[in-house]
Amino acid sequence: MTYTIDKKVPPPHLNENGRTEKYPLSQMAVGDSFRFEWDAALRSTIRSSAFQKWKHTRRFVTKAVEEDGKRWFRIWRVK
């Protein structure tokens, strides 16, 4: 078996506990956003993660959007 070595692939971002972050919230600057699939449970999970961890230092907004002919949720960092 042979393996291909990939160069310049960034490692996963780790949180302060040394765990891989599931969502890129800590890497977001004001004005950044990302979209994720239309799933109410997933939206709740991501919102909880964002609002609980940074409720005093960062602010996030989520909204249902239609892009590429499909429904998504998008989360923006606004503060």
Protein backbone atom coordinates (compact mmCIF):
# COMPACT_ATOMS: atom_id res chain seq x y z
CA MET A 1 0.00 0.00 0.00
CA THR A 2 1.26 3.49 -0.79
CA TYR A 3 0.37 6.74 0.86
CA THR A 4 0.33 10.24 -0.55
CA ILE A 5 1.83 12.95 1.60
CA ASP A 6 -0.21 16.15 1.48
CA LYS A 7 1.49 19.46 2.07
CA LYS A 8 -0.01 22.68 3.44
CA VAL A 9 -3.11 21.05 4.94
CA PRO A 10 -3.78 22.95 8.17
CA PRO A 11 -4.16 20.87 11.34
CA PRO A 12 -7.49 20.95 13.15
CA HIS A 13 -7.90 23.87 15.50
CA LEU A 14 -7.77 22.84 19.16
CA ASN A 15 -9.68 24.51 21.95
CA GLU A 16 -8.16 25.38 25.33
CA ASN A 17 -8.83 21.83 26.56
CA GLY A 18 -6.74 20.37 23.74
CA ARG A 19 -9.80 18.98 21.96
CA THR A 20 -10.54 19.42 18.29
CA GLU A 21 -13.11 22.11 17.72
CA LYS A 22 -16.23 20.96 15.96
CA TYR A 23 -17.20 24.43 14.72
CA PRO A 24 -14.79 27.27 13.74
CA LEU A 25 -16.29 29.78 16.19
CA SER A 26 -13.04 30.68 17.94
CA GLN A 27 -11.35 31.40 14.60
CA MET A 28 -13.99 33.84 13.40
CA ALA A 29 -13.32 37.57 13.15
CA VAL A 30 -16.09 40.15 13.24
CA GLY A 31 -17.96 39.94 9.94
CA ASP A 32 -17.04 36.29 9.29
CA SER A 33 -19.76 33.70 8.81
CA PHE A 34 -20.25 30.10 7.83
CA ARG A 35 -23.26 28.12 6.74
CA PHE A 36 -24.43 24.70 7.79
CA GLU A 37 -27.18 22.34 6.79
CA TRP A 38 -30.80 23.04 7.57
CA ASP A 39 -31.23 21.13 10.83
CA ALA A 40 -32.96 22.68 13.83
CA ALA A 41 -31.11 20.46 16.33
CA LEU A 42 -27.73 21.33 14.81
CA ARG A 43 -28.63 25.03 14.82
CA SER A 44 -29.48 24.80 18.51
CA THR A 45 -26.19 23.04 19.28
CA ILE A 46 -24.07 25.59 17.42
CA ARG A 47 -25.95 28.54 18.90
CA SER A 48 -25.57 27.14 22.41
CA SER A 49 -21.87 26.60 21.85
CA ALA A 50 -21.39 30.16 20.61
CA PHE A 51 -23.53 31.95 23.15
CA GLN A 52 -22.46 30.03 26.26
CA LYS A 53 -18.74 30.23 25.66
CA TRP A 54 -18.47 33.86 24.60
CA LYS A 55 -21.60 35.51 25.99
CA HIS A 56 -19.59 38.41 27.45
CA THR A 57 -16.86 38.90 24.83
CA ARG A 58 -18.26 37.91 21.42
CA ARG A 59 -21.65 38.13 19.76
CA PHE A 60 -23.09 35.79 17.15
CA VAL A 61 -26.25 35.94 15.05
CA THR A 62 -27.90 33.05 13.20
CA LYS A 63 -30.41 33.24 10.39
CA ALA A 64 -32.09 30.88 7.96
CA VAL A 65 -30.95 31.68 4.40
CA GLU A 66 -31.49 30.30 0.93
CA GLU A 67 -28.31 29.92 -1.11
CA ASP A 68 -27.59 27.81 -4.17
CA GLY A 69 -31.28 26.88 -4.29
CA LYS A 70 -31.08 25.19 -0.89
CA ARG A 71 -32.05 26.20 2.66
CA TRP A 72 -29.21 26.69 5.14
CA PHE A 73 -28.56 28.24 8.49
CA ARG A 74 -25.78 30.82 8.60
CA ILE A 75 -24.00 32.13 11.69
CA TRP A 76 -22.16 35.47 11.74
CA ARG A 77 -19.81 36.93 14.31
CA VAL A 78 -21.00 40.50 14.86
CA LYS A 79 -18.93 41.58 17.90
